[in-house]
């Protein structure tokens, strides 16, 4: 399990290094995930890697603790700007739903069965 955890974090580190070295306009962990995905496509998914990923997902809630602490730490800033934050959240959520629907329709064809 330790080897595969190191592999996952190593891919993230390699992605960060690749983004910095090439000046790519995407987050390092996304590039690392692409590297890991490429490796999985070429070599297959070992059962131990799947078990390690499942263990990480089982404890995913712990990764939200620092974000929650940050929100509570800066609660006064959020209270001051809450209308703008609410508008940004509503507009971005609506835009995401619309774009996702359009992409699904474009990729999957018309699945509604209408004539």
PDB file of N, CA and C in Angstrom:
ATOM      1  N   UNK A   1       0.815  -1.186   0.000  1.00  0.00           N
ATOM      2  CA  UNK A   1       0.000   0.000   0.000  1.00  0.00           C
ATOM      3  C   UNK A   1       0.861   1.253   0.000  1.00  0.00           C
ATOM      4  N   UNK A   2       1.963   1.233   0.724  1.00  0.00           N
ATOM      5  CA  UNK A   2       2.837   2.390   0.799  1.00  0.00           C
ATOM      6  C   UNK A   2       3.439   2.713  -0.564  1.00  0.00           C
ATOM      7  N   UNK A   3       3.785   1.681  -1.327  1.00  0.00           N
ATOM      8  CA  UNK A   3       4.345   1.895  -2.666  1.00  0.00           C
ATOM      9  C   UNK A   3       3.349   2.625  -3.559  1.00  0.00           C
ATOM     10  N   UNK A   4       2.097   2.205  -3.530  1.00  0.00           N
ATOM     11  CA  UNK A   4       1.097   2.810  -4.414  1.00  0.00           C
ATOM     12  C   UNK A   4       0.691   4.202  -3.938  1.00  0.00           C
ATOM     13  N   UNK A   5       0.708   4.441  -2.639  1.00  0.00           N
ATOM     14  CA  UNK A   5       0.479   5.786  -2.140  1.00  0.00           C
ATOM     15  C   UNK A   5       1.606   6.706  -2.592  1.00  0.00           C
ATOM     16  N   UNK A   6       2.829   6.205  -2.536  1.00  0.00           N
ATOM     17  CA  UNK A   6       3.976   6.960  -3.028  1.00  0.00           C
ATOM     18  C   UNK A   6       3.862   7.194  -4.524  1.00  0.00           C
ATOM     19  N   UNK A   7       3.368   6.219  -5.259  1.00  0.00           N
ATOM     20  CA  UNK A   7       3.170   6.365  -6.704  1.00  0.00           C
ATOM     21  C   UNK A   7       2.162   7.474  -7.008  1.00  0.00           C
ATOM     22  N   UNK A   8       1.055   7.497  -6.284  1.00  0.00           N
ATOM     23  CA  UNK A   8       0.030   8.520  -6.502  1.00  0.00           C
ATOM     24  C   UNK A   8       0.593   9.908  -6.204  1.00  0.00           C
ATOM     25  N   UNK A   9       1.262  10.040  -5.062  1.00  0.00           N
ATOM     26  CA  UNK A   9       1.838  11.339  -4.699  1.00  0.00           C
ATOM     27  C   UNK A   9       3.001  11.708  -5.607  1.00  0.00           C
ATOM     28  N   UNK A  10       3.747  10.714  -6.077  1.00  0.00           N
ATOM     29  CA  UNK A  10       4.834  10.969  -7.024  1.00  0.00           C
ATOM     30  C   UNK A  10       4.310  11.485  -8.357  1.00  0.00           C
ATOM     31  N   UNK A  11       3.188  10.941  -8.802  1.00  0.00           N
ATOM     32  CA  UNK A  11       2.574  11.450 -10.038  1.00  0.00           C
ATOM     33  C   UNK A  11       2.117  12.890  -9.855  1.00  0.00           C
ATOM     34  N   UNK A  12       1.599  13.203  -8.675  1.00  0.00           N
ATOM     35  CA  UNK A  12       1.201  14.580  -8.412  1.00  0.00           C
ATOM     36  C   UNK A  12       2.419  15.500  -8.430  1.00  0.00           C
ATOM     37  N   UNK A  13       3.503  15.068  -7.811  1.00  0.00           N
ATOM     38  CA  UNK A  13       4.736  15.857  -7.800  1.00  0.00           C
ATOM     39  C   UNK A  13       5.290  16.024  -9.211  1.00  0.00           C
ATOM     40  N   UNK A  14       5.269  14.955  -9.997  1.00  0.00           N
ATOM     41  CA  UNK A  14       5.744  15.027 -11.378  1.00  0.00           C
ATOM     42  C   UNK A  14       4.875  15.979 -12.193  1.00  0.00           C
ATOM     43  N   UNK A  15       3.584  15.959 -11.944  1.00  0.00           N
ATOM     44  CA  UNK A  15       2.693  16.889 -12.627  1.00  0.00           C
ATOM     45  C   UNK A  15       3.003  18.332 -12.271  1.00  0.00           C
ATOM     46  N   UNK A  16       3.245  18.588 -10.985  1.00  0.00           N
ATOM     47  CA  UNK A  16       3.623  19.940 -10.551  1.00  0.00           C
ATOM     48  C   UNK A  16       4.914  20.382 -11.233  1.00  0.00           C
ATOM     49  N   UNK A  17       5.898  19.496 -11.266  1.00  0.00           N
ATOM     50  CA  UNK A  17       7.181  19.826 -11.894  1.00  0.00           C
ATOM     51  C   UNK A  17       7.011  20.072 -13.387  1.00  0.00           C
ATOM     52  N   UNK A  18       6.183  19.270 -14.033  1.00  0.00           N
ATOM     53  CA  UNK A  18       5.943  19.416 -15.471  1.00  0.00           C
ATOM     54  C   UNK A  18       5.268  20.755 -15.781  1.00  0.00           C
ATOM     55  N   UNK A  19       4.294  21.123 -14.974  1.00  0.00           N
ATOM     56  CA  UNK A  19       3.581  22.387 -15.184  1.00  0.00           C
ATOM     57  C   UNK A  19       4.519  23.572 -14.987  1.00  0.00           C
ATOM     58  N   UNK A  20       5.342  23.516 -13.955  1.00  0.00           N
ATOM     59  CA  UNK A  20       6.282  24.615 -13.695  1.00  0.00           C
ATOM     60  C   UNK A  20       7.338  24.679 -14.790  1.00  0.00           C
ATOM     61  N   UNK A  21       7.877  23.532 -15.193  1.00  0.00           N
ATOM     62  CA  UNK A  21       8.942  23.505 -16.193  1.00  0.00           C
ATOM     63  C   UNK A  21       8.457  23.970 -17.564  1.00  0.00           C
ATOM     64  N   UNK A  22       7.248  23.574 -17.940  1.00  0.00           N
ATOM     65  CA  UNK A  22       6.739  23.909 -19.269  1.00  0.00           C
ATOM     66  C   UNK A  22       5.838  25.143 -19.277  1.00  0.00           C
ATOM     67  N   UNK A  23       5.516  25.662 -18.100  1.00  0.00           N
ATOM     68  CA  UNK A  23       4.649  26.827 -18.021  1.00  0.00           C
ATOM     69  C   UNK A  23       3.240  26.543 -18.513  1.00  0.00           C
ATOM     70  N   UNK A  24       2.737  25.347 -18.251  1.00  0.00           N
ATOM     71  CA  UNK A  24       1.402  24.966 -18.712  1.00  0.00           C
ATOM     72  C   UNK A  24       0.321  25.676 -17.899  1.00  0.00           C
ATOM     73  N   UNK A  25      -0.784  26.041 -18.547  1.00  0.00           N
ATOM     74  CA  UNK A  25      -1.846  26.760 -17.829  1.00  0.00           C
ATOM     75  C   UNK A  25      -2.876  25.838 -17.183  1.00  0.00           C
ATOM     76  N   UNK A  26      -2.427  24.861 -16.422  1.00  0.00           N
ATOM     77  CA  UNK A  26      -3.332  23.973 -15.705  1.00  0.00           C
ATOM     78  C   UNK A  26      -2.709  23.597 -14.375  1.00  0.00           C
ATOM     79  N   UNK A  27      -3.523  23.162 -13.430  1.00  0.00           N
ATOM     80  CA  UNK A  27      -2.983  22.793 -12.119  1.00  0.00           C
ATOM     81  C   UNK A  27      -2.069  21.567 -12.208  1.00  0.00           C
ATOM     82  N   UNK A  28      -1.053  21.556 -11.385  1.00  0.00           N
ATOM     83  CA  UNK A  28      -0.119  20.442 -11.352  1.00  0.00           C
ATOM     84  C   UNK A  28      -0.763  19.097 -11.047  1.00  0.00           C
ATOM     85  N   UNK A  29      -1.695  19.038 -10.069  1.00  0.00           N
ATOM     86  CA  UNK A  29      -2.336  17.754  -9.796  1.00  0.00           C
ATOM     87  C   UNK A  29      -3.129  17.204 -10.987  1.00  0.00           C
ATOM     88  N   UNK A  30      -3.658  18.075 -11.831  1.00  0.00           N
ATOM     89  CA  UNK A  30      -4.368  17.609 -13.030  1.00  0.00           C
ATOM     90  C   UNK A  30      -3.377  16.970 -14.002  1.00  0.00           C
ATOM     91  N   UNK A  31      -2.229  17.595 -14.166  1.00  0.00           N
ATOM     92  CA  UNK A  31      -1.192  17.009 -15.018  1.00  0.00           C
ATOM     93  C   UNK A  31      -0.702  15.686 -14.429  1.00  0.00           C
ATOM     94  N   UNK A  32      -0.564  15.629 -13.110  1.00  0.00           N
ATOM     95  CA  UNK A  32      -0.163  14.382 -12.460  1.00  0.00           C
ATOM     96  C   UNK A  32      -1.199  13.291 -12.638  1.00  0.00           C
ATOM     97  N   UNK A  33      -2.486  13.662 -12.573  1.00  0.00           N
ATOM     98  CA  UNK A  33      -3.549  12.688 -12.787  1.00  0.00           C
ATOM     99  C   UNK A  33      -3.504  12.160 -14.220  1.00  0.00           C
ATOM    100  N   UNK A  34      -3.187  13.038 -15.172  1.00  0.00           N
ATOM    101  CA  UNK A  34      -3.055  12.600 -16.559  1.00  0.00           C
ATOM    102  C   UNK A  34      -1.881  11.630 -16.709  1.00  0.00           C
ATOM    103  N   UNK A  35      -0.792  11.907 -16.001  1.00  0.00           N
ATOM    104  CA  UNK A  35       0.348  10.978 -16.030  1.00  0.00           C
ATOM    105  C   UNK A  35      -0.029   9.623 -15.442  1.00  0.00           C
ATOM    106  N   UNK A  36      -0.725   9.641 -14.314  1.00  0.00           N
ATOM    107  CA  UNK A  36      -1.161   8.393 -13.691  1.00  0.00           C
ATOM    108  C   UNK A  36      -2.123   7.647 -14.602  1.00  0.00           C
ATOM    109  N   UNK A  37      -3.055   8.359 -15.224  1.00  0.00           N
ATOM    110  CA  UNK A  37      -4.008   7.733 -16.136  1.00  0.00           C
ATOM    111  C   UNK A  37      -3.289   7.094 -17.317  1.00  0.00           C
ATOM    112  N   UNK A  38      -2.298   7.798 -17.860  1.00  0.00           N
ATOM    113  CA  UNK A  38      -1.530   7.243 -18.977  1.00  0.00           C
ATOM    114  C   UNK A  38      -0.827   5.957 -18.556  1.00  0.00           C
ATOM    115  N   UNK A  39      -0.243   5.971 -17.379  1.00  0.00           N
ATOM    116  CA  UNK A  39       0.404   4.754 -16.875  1.00  0.00           C
ATOM    117  C   UNK A  39      -0.574   3.616 -16.682  1.00  0.00           C
ATOM    118  N   UNK A  40      -1.772   3.927 -16.203  1.00  0.00           N
ATOM    119  CA  UNK A  40      -2.787   2.886 -16.004  1.00  0.00           C
ATOM    120  C   UNK A  40      -3.277   2.321 -17.333  1.00  0.00           C
ATOM    121  N   UNK A  41      -3.395   3.184 -18.332  1.00  0.00           N
ATOM    122  CA  UNK A  41      -3.817   2.706 -19.654  1.00  0.00           C
ATOM    123  C   UNK A  41      -2.763   1.778 -20.239  1.00  0.00           C
ATOM    124  N   UNK A  42      -1.501   2.131 -20.064  1.00  0.00           N
ATOM    125  CA  UNK A  42      -0.419   1.329 -20.637  1.00  0.00           C
ATOM    126  C   UNK A  42      -0.159   0.038 -19.878  1.00  0.00           C
ATOM    127  N   UNK A  43      -0.301   0.062 -18.544  1.00  0.00           N
ATOM    128  CA  UNK A  43       0.088  -1.093 -17.742  1.00  0.00           C
ATOM    129  C   UNK A  43      -1.062  -1.808 -17.061  1.00  0.00           C
ATOM    130  N   UNK A  44      -2.233  -1.211 -17.029  1.00  0.00           N
ATOM    131  CA  UNK A  44      -3.359  -1.826 -16.338  1.00  0.00           C
ATOM    132  C   UNK A  44      -3.433  -1.373 -14.897  1.00  0.00           C
ATOM    133  N   UNK A  45      -4.536  -1.719 -14.255  1.00  0.00           N
ATOM    134  CA  UNK A  45      -4.780  -1.307 -12.874  1.00  0.00           C
ATOM    135  C   UNK A  45      -4.459  -2.449 -11.918  1.00  0.00           C
ATOM    136  N   UNK A  46      -3.379  -2.332 -11.140  1.00  0.00           N
ATOM    137  CA  UNK A  46      -3.095  -3.356 -10.132  1.00  0.00           C
ATOM    138  C   UNK A  46      -4.144  -3.311  -9.013  1.00  0.00           C
ATOM    139  N   UNK A  47      -4.485  -4.442  -8.480  1.00  0.00           N
ATOM    140  CA  UNK A  47      -5.480  -4.520  -7.418  1.00  0.00           C
ATOM    141  C   UNK A  47      -5.048  -3.711  -6.191  1.00  0.00           C
ATOM    142  N   UNK A  48      -3.755  -3.728  -5.876  1.00  0.00           N
ATOM    143  CA  UNK A  48      -3.270  -2.998  -4.702  1.00  0.00           C
ATOM    144  C   UNK A  48      -3.433  -1.491  -4.880  1.00  0.00           C
ATOM    145  N   UNK A  49      -3.301  -0.990  -6.110  1.00  0.00           N
ATOM    146  CA  UNK A  49      -3.516   0.433  -6.349  1.00  0.00           C
ATOM    147  C   UNK A  49      -4.985   0.782  -6.162  1.00  0.00           C
ATOM    148  N   UNK A  50      -5.857  -0.082  -6.616  1.00  0.00           N
ATOM    149  CA  UNK A  50      -7.292   0.143  -6.420  1.00  0.00           C
ATOM    150  C   UNK A  50      -7.636   0.159  -4.930  1.00  0.00           C
ATOM    151  N   UNK A  51      -7.041  -0.729  -4.158  1.00  0.00           N
ATOM    152  CA  UNK A  51      -7.289  -0.767  -2.712  1.00  0.00           C
ATOM    153  C   UNK A  51      -6.754   0.490  -2.026  1.00  0.00           C
ATOM    154  N   UNK A  52      -5.593   0.970  -2.473  1.00  0.00           N
ATOM    155  CA  UNK A  52      -5.025   2.200  -1.909  1.00  0.00           C
ATOM    156  C   UNK A  52      -5.917   3.393  -2.227  1.00  0.00           C
ATOM    157  N   UNK A  53      -6.403   3.479  -3.458  1.00  0.00           N
ATOM    158  CA  UNK A  53      -7.296   4.574  -3.839  1.00  0.00           C
ATOM    159  C   UNK A  53      -8.597   4.507  -3.051  1.00  0.00           C
ATOM    160  N   UNK A  54      -9.124   3.307  -2.835  1.00  0.00           N
ATOM    161  CA  UNK A  54     -10.340   3.156  -2.035  1.00  0.00           C
ATOM    162  C   UNK A  54     -10.112   3.618  -0.592  1.00  0.00           C
ATOM    163  N   UNK A  55      -8.940   3.324  -0.044  1.00  0.00           N
ATOM    164  CA  UNK A  55      -8.629   3.763   1.319  1.00  0.00           C
ATOM    165  C   UNK A  55      -8.547   5.281   1.392  1.00  0.00           C
ATOM    166  N   UNK A  56      -7.962   5.907   0.364  1.00  0.00           N
ATOM    167  CA  UNK A  56      -7.913   7.371   0.339  1.00  0.00           C
ATOM    168  C   UNK A  56      -9.316   7.957   0.230  1.00  0.00           C
ATOM    169  N   UNK A  57     -10.150   7.367  -0.605  1.00  0.00           N
ATOM    170  CA  UNK A  57     -11.510   7.869  -0.770  1.00  0.00           C
ATOM    171  C   UNK A  57     -12.341   7.692   0.498  1.00  0.00           C
ATOM    172  N   UNK A  58     -12.063   6.638   1.242  1.00  0.00           N
ATOM    173  CA  UNK A  58     -12.802   6.405   2.480  1.00  0.00           C
ATOM    174  C   UNK A  58     -12.522   7.499   3.510  1.00  0.00           C
ATOM    175  N   UNK A  59     -11.352   8.108   3.428  1.00  0.00           N
ATOM    176  CA  UNK A  59     -10.977   9.156   4.382  1.00  0.00           C
ATOM    177  C   UNK A  59     -10.951  10.536   3.730  1.00  0.00           C
ATOM    178  N   UNK A  60     -11.662  10.682   2.630  1.00  0.00           N
ATOM    179  CA  UNK A  60     -11.664  11.936   1.894  1.00  0.00           C
ATOM    180  C   UNK A  60     -12.214  13.097   2.717  1.00  0.00           C
ATOM    181  N   UNK A  61     -13.141  12.828   3.590  1.00  0.00           N
ATOM    182  CA  UNK A  61     -13.739  13.897   4.399  1.00  0.00           C
ATOM    183  C   UNK A  61     -12.689  14.618   5.241  1.00  0.00           C
ATOM    184  N   UNK A  62     -11.637  13.924   5.635  1.00  0.00           N
ATOM    185  CA  UNK A  62     -10.584  14.563   6.429  1.00  0.00           C
ATOM    186  C   UNK A  62      -9.881  15.675   5.655  1.00  0.00           C
ATOM    187  N   UNK A  63      -9.876  15.566   4.329  1.00  0.00           N
ATOM    188  CA  UNK A  63      -9.207  16.577   3.530  1.00  0.00           C
ATOM    189  C   UNK A  63      -9.991  17.887   3.486  1.00  0.00           C
ATOM    190  N   UNK A  64     -11.263  17.845   3.879  1.00  0.00           N
ATOM    191  CA  UNK A  64     -12.061  19.059   3.892  1.00  0.00           C
ATOM    192  C   UNK A  64     -11.938  19.820   5.209  1.00  0.00           C
ATOM    193  N   UNK A  65     -11.296  19.251   6.202  1.00  0.00           N
ATOM    194  CA  UNK A  65     -11.144  19.925   7.494  1.00  0.00           C
ATOM    195  C   UNK A  65     -10.356  21.227   7.353  1.00  0.00           C
ATOM    196  N   UNK A  66      -9.212  21.263   6.654  1.00  0.00           N
ATOM    197  CA  UNK A  66      -8.498  22.547   6.523  1.00  0.00           C
ATOM    198  C   UNK A  66      -9.331  23.616   5.818  1.00  0.00           C
ATOM    199  N   UNK A  67     -10.113  23.233   4.816  1.00  0.00           N
ATOM    200  CA  UNK A  67     -10.960  24.211   4.130  1.00  0.00           C
ATOM    201  C   UNK A  67     -12.031  24.745   5.075  1.00  0.00           C
ATOM    202  N   UNK A  68     -12.611  23.876   5.877  1.00  0.00           N
ATOM    203  CA  UNK A  68     -13.611  24.322   6.847  1.00  0.00           C
ATOM    204  C   UNK A  68     -13.028  25.246   7.891  1.00  0.00           C
ATOM    205  N   UNK A  69     -11.818  24.949   8.325  1.00  0.00           N
ATOM    206  CA  UNK A  69     -11.140  25.823   9.293  1.00  0.00           C
ATOM    207  C   UNK A  69     -10.861  27.180   8.661  1.00  0.00           C
ATOM    208  N   UNK A  70     -10.452  27.175   7.390  1.00  0.00           N
ATOM    209  CA  UNK A  70     -10.203  28.434   6.691  1.00  0.00           C
ATOM    210  C   UNK A  70     -11.458  29.276   6.559  1.00  0.00           C
ATOM    211  N   UNK A  71     -12.582  28.625   6.285  1.00  0.00           N
ATOM    212  CA  UNK A  71     -13.845  29.352   6.187  1.00  0.00           C
ATOM    213  C   UNK A  71     -14.193  29.984   7.529  1.00  0.00           C
ATOM    214  N   UNK A  72     -14.056  29.228   8.600  1.00  0.00           N
ATOM    215  CA  UNK A  72     -14.393  29.766   9.916  1.00  0.00           C
ATOM    216  C   UNK A  72     -13.396  30.842  10.354  1.00  0.00           C
ATOM    217  N   UNK A  73     -12.151  30.718   9.934  1.00  0.00           N
ATOM    218  CA  UNK A  73     -11.135  31.702  10.296  1.00  0.00           C
ATOM    219  C   UNK A  73     -11.419  33.044   9.631  1.00  0.00           C
ATOM    220  N   UNK A  74     -11.921  33.010   8.410  1.00  0.00           N
ATOM    221  CA  UNK A  74     -12.190  34.236   7.652  1.00  0.00           C
ATOM    222  C   UNK A  74     -13.686  34.498   7.534  1.00  0.00           C
ATOM    223  N   UNK A  75     -14.433  34.118   8.544  1.00  0.00           N
ATOM    224  CA  UNK A  75     -15.884  34.279   8.509  1.00  0.00           C
ATOM    225  C   UNK A  75     -16.294  35.742   8.386  1.00  0.00           C
ATOM    226  N   UNK A  76     -15.528  36.645   8.987  1.00  0.00           N
ATOM    227  CA  UNK A  76     -15.870  38.072   8.905  1.00  0.00           C
ATOM    228  C   UNK A  76     -15.762  38.588   7.471  1.00  0.00           C
ATOM    229  N   UNK A  77     -14.782  38.101   6.703  1.00  0.00           N
ATOM    230  CA  UNK A  77     -14.669  38.487   5.298  1.00  0.00           C
ATOM    231  C   UNK A  77     -15.839  37.941   4.486  1.00  0.00           C
ATOM    232  N   UNK A  78     -16.224  36.706   4.782  1.00  0.00           N
ATOM    233  CA  UNK A  78     -17.356  36.112   4.080  1.00  0.00           C
ATOM    234  C   UNK A  78     -18.647  36.838   4.416  1.00  0.00           C
ATOM    235  N   UNK A  79     -18.803  37.233   5.662  1.00  0.00           N
ATOM    236  CA  UNK A  79     -20.016  37.944   6.076  1.00  0.00           C
ATOM    237  C   UNK A  79     -20.113  39.293   5.381  1.00  0.00           C
ATOM    238  N   UNK A  80     -18.983  39.925   5.143  1.00  0.00           N
ATOM    239  CA  UNK A  80     -19.001  41.231   4.492  1.00  0.00           C
ATOM    240  C   UNK A  80     -19.338  41.132   3.006  1.00  0.00           C
ATOM    241  N   UNK A  81     -18.934  40.058   2.370  1.00  0.00           N
ATOM    242  CA  UNK A  81     -19.111  39.914   0.920  1.00  0.00           C
ATOM    243  C   UNK A  81     -20.101  38.828   0.540  1.00  0.00           C
ATOM    244  N   UNK A  82     -21.012  38.452   1.434  1.00  0.00           N
ATOM    245  CA  UNK A  82     -21.888  37.316   1.158  1.00  0.00           C
ATOM    246  C   UNK A  82     -22.795  37.516  -0.056  1.00  0.00           C
ATOM    247  N   UNK A  83     -23.296  38.717  -0.366  1.00  0.00           N
ATOM    248  CA  UNK A  83     -24.150  38.818  -1.563  1.00  0.00           C
ATOM    249  C   UNK A  83     -23.396  38.477  -2.853  1.00  0.00           C
ATOM    250  N   UNK A  84     -22.185  38.974  -2.977  1.00  0.00           N
ATOM    251  CA  UNK A  84     -21.392  38.677  -4.176  1.00  0.00           C
ATOM    252  C   UNK A  84     -21.053  37.195  -4.252  1.00  0.00           C
ATOM    253  N   UNK A  85     -20.777  36.586  -3.118  1.00  0.00           N
ATOM    254  CA  UNK A  85     -20.452  35.153  -3.091  1.00  0.00           C
ATOM    255  C   UNK A  85     -21.661  34.329  -3.496  1.00  0.00           C
ATOM    256  N   UNK A  86     -22.833  34.682  -2.996  1.00  0.00           N
ATOM    257  CA  UNK A  86     -24.057  33.941  -3.345  1.00  0.00           C
ATOM    258  C   UNK A  86     -24.346  34.065  -4.838  1.00  0.00           C
ATOM    259  N   UNK A  87     -24.235  35.286  -5.382  1.00  0.00           N
ATOM    260  CA  UNK A  87     -24.480  35.480  -6.815  1.00  0.00           C
ATOM    261  C   UNK A  87     -23.479  34.670  -7.639  1.00  0.00           C
ATOM    262  N   UNK A  88     -22.212  34.708  -7.257  1.00  0.00           N
ATOM    263  CA  UNK A  88     -21.192  33.951  -7.991  1.00  0.00           C
ATOM    264  C   UNK A  88     -21.469  32.461  -7.939  1.00  0.00           C
ATOM    265  N   UNK A  89     -21.883  31.947  -6.784  1.00  0.00           N
ATOM    266  CA  UNK A  89     -22.184  30.520  -6.663  1.00  0.00           C
ATOM    267  C   UNK A  89     -23.393  30.120  -7.505  1.00  0.00           C
ATOM    268  N   UNK A  90     -24.443  30.925  -7.481  1.00  0.00           N
ATOM    269  CA  UNK A  90     -25.655  30.600  -8.237  1.00  0.00           C
ATOM    270  C   UNK A  90     -25.384  30.657  -9.738  1.00  0.00           C
ATOM    271  N   UNK A  91     -24.719  31.726 -10.194  1.00  0.00           N
ATOM    272  CA  UNK A  91     -24.443  31.870 -11.621  1.00  0.00           C
ATOM    273  C   UNK A  91     -23.499  30.773 -12.107  1.00  0.00           C
ATOM    274  N   UNK A  92     -22.452  30.481 -11.355  1.00  0.00           N
ATOM    275  CA  UNK A  92     -21.508  29.452 -11.800  1.00  0.00           C
ATOM    276  C   UNK A  92     -22.144  28.065 -11.777  1.00  0.00           C
ATOM    277  N   UNK A  93     -23.004  27.789 -10.809  1.00  0.00           N
ATOM    278  CA  UNK A  93     -23.696  26.498 -10.776  1.00  0.00           C
ATOM    279  C   UNK A  93     -24.639  26.359 -11.958  1.00  0.00           C
ATOM    280  N   UNK A  94     -25.400  27.411 -12.250  1.00  0.00           N
ATOM    281  CA  UNK A  94     -26.311  27.371 -13.395  1.00  0.00           C
ATOM    282  C   UNK A  94     -25.536  27.208 -14.692  1.00  0.00           C
ATOM    283  N   UNK A  95     -24.436  27.927 -14.843  1.00  0.00           N
ATOM    284  CA  UNK A  95     -23.626  27.802 -16.055  1.00  0.00           C
ATOM    285  C   UNK A  95     -23.059  26.395 -16.191  1.00  0.00           C
ATOM    286  N   UNK A  96     -22.644  25.805 -15.090  1.00  0.00           N
ATOM    287  CA  UNK A  96     -22.114  24.444 -15.129  1.00  0.00           C
ATOM    288  C   UNK A  96     -23.178  23.447 -15.555  1.00  0.00           C
ATOM    289  N   UNK A  97     -24.385  23.584 -15.038  1.00  0.00           N
ATOM    290  CA  UNK A  97     -25.475  22.684 -15.410  1.00  0.00           C
ATOM    291  C   UNK A  97     -25.800  22.816 -16.900  1.00  0.00           C
ATOM    292  N   UNK A  98     -25.873  24.047 -17.385  1.00  0.00           N
ATOM    293  CA  UNK A  98     -26.203  24.275 -18.797  1.00  0.00           C
ATOM    294  C   UNK A  98     -25.105  23.719 -19.702  1.00  0.00           C
ATOM    295  N   UNK A  99     -23.857  24.029 -19.400  1.00  0.00           N
ATOM    296  CA  UNK A  99     -22.748  23.555 -20.240  1.00  0.00           C
ATOM    297  C   UNK A  99     -22.654  22.039 -20.206  1.00  0.00           C
ATOM    298  N   UNK A 100     -22.836  21.439 -19.037  1.00  0.00           N
ATOM    299  CA  UNK A 100     -22.800  19.980 -18.940  1.00  0.00           C
ATOM    300  C   UNK A 100     -23.915  19.356 -19.763  1.00  0.00           C
ATOM    301  N   UNK A 101     -25.116  19.926 -19.700  1.00  0.00           N
ATOM    302  CA  UNK A 101     -26.222  19.418 -20.503  1.00  0.00           C
ATOM    303  C   UNK A 101     -25.959  19.529 -21.988  1.00  0.00           C
ATOM    304  N   UNK A 102     -25.418  20.659 -22.413  1.00  0.00           N
ATOM    305  CA  UNK A 102     -25.115  20.838 -23.833  1.00  0.00           C
ATOM    306  C   UNK A 102     -24.036  19.863 -24.309  1.00  0.00           C
ATOM    307  N   UNK A 103     -23.031  19.664 -23.493  1.00  0.00           N
ATOM    308  CA  UNK A 103     -21.965  18.731 -23.870  1.00  0.00           C
ATOM    309  C   UNK A 103     -22.494  17.300 -23.913  1.00  0.00           C
ATOM    310  N   UNK A 104     -23.331  16.938 -22.947  1.00  0.00           N
ATOM    311  CA  UNK A 104     -23.914  15.587 -22.961  1.00  0.00           C
ATOM    312  C   UNK A 104     -24.782  15.385 -24.197  1.00  0.00           C
ATOM    313  N   UNK A 105     -25.559  16.397 -24.560  1.00  0.00           N
ATOM    314  CA  UNK A 105     -26.393  16.286 -25.761  1.00  0.00           C
ATOM    315  C   UNK A 105     -25.517  16.165 -26.999  1.00  0.00           C
ATOM    316  N   UNK A 106     -24.437  16.951 -27.053  1.00  0.00           N
ATOM    317  CA  UNK A 106     -23.541  16.928 -28.205  1.00  0.00           C
ATOM    318  C   UNK A 106     -22.810  15.584 -28.317  1.00  0.00           C
ATOM    319  N   UNK A 107     -22.343  15.059 -27.187  1.00  0.00           N
ATOM    320  CA  UNK A 107     -21.592  13.803 -27.208  1.00  0.00           C
ATOM    321  C   UNK A 107     -22.487  12.578 -27.362  1.00  0.00           C
ATOM    322  N   UNK A 108     -23.647  12.615 -26.732  1.00  0.00           N
ATOM    323  CA  UNK A 108     -24.494  11.432 -26.724  1.00  0.00           C
ATOM    324  C   UNK A 108     -25.622  11.440 -27.727  1.00  0.00           C
ATOM    325  N   UNK A 109     -25.756  12.491 -28.462  1.00  0.00           N
ATOM    326  CA  UNK A 109     -26.899  12.575 -29.361  1.00  0.00           C
ATOM    327  C   UNK A 109     -28.135  12.870 -28.558  1.00  0.00           C
ATOM    328  N   UNK A 110     -29.275  12.886 -29.216  1.00  0.00           N
ATOM    329  CA  UNK A 110     -30.542  13.140 -28.528  1.00  0.00           C
ATOM    330  C   UNK A 110     -31.034  11.845 -27.932  1.00  0.00           C
ATOM    331  N   UNK A 111     -30.893  11.679 -26.625  1.00  0.00           N
ATOM    332  CA  UNK A 111     -31.273  10.432 -25.957  1.00  0.00           C
ATOM    333  C   UNK A 111     -32.710  10.470 -25.420  1.00  0.00           C
ATOM    334  N   UNK A 112     -33.425  11.565 -25.682  1.00  0.00           N
ATOM    335  CA  UNK A 112     -34.769  11.712 -25.145  1.00  0.00           C
ATOM    336  C   UNK A 112     -35.812  10.877 -25.854  1.00  0.00           C
ATOM    337  N   UNK A 113     -35.514  10.349 -27.024  1.00  0.00           N
ATOM    338  CA  UNK A 113     -36.463   9.531 -27.749  1.00  0.00           C
ATOM    339  C   UNK A 113     -37.547  10.332 -28.460  1.00  0.00           C
ATOM    340  N   UNK A 114     -37.324  11.637 -28.592  1.00  0.00           N
ATOM    341  CA  UNK A 114     -38.299  12.470 -29.295  1.00  0.00           C
ATOM    342  C   UNK A 114     -38.116  12.317 -30.800  1.00  0.00           C
ATOM    343  N   UNK A 115     -39.212  12.465 -31.526  1.00  0.00           N
ATOM    344  CA  UNK A 115     -39.149  12.369 -32.991  1.00  0.00           C
ATOM    345  C   UNK A 115     -39.147  13.734 -33.622  1.00  0.00           C
TER     346      UNK A 115
END
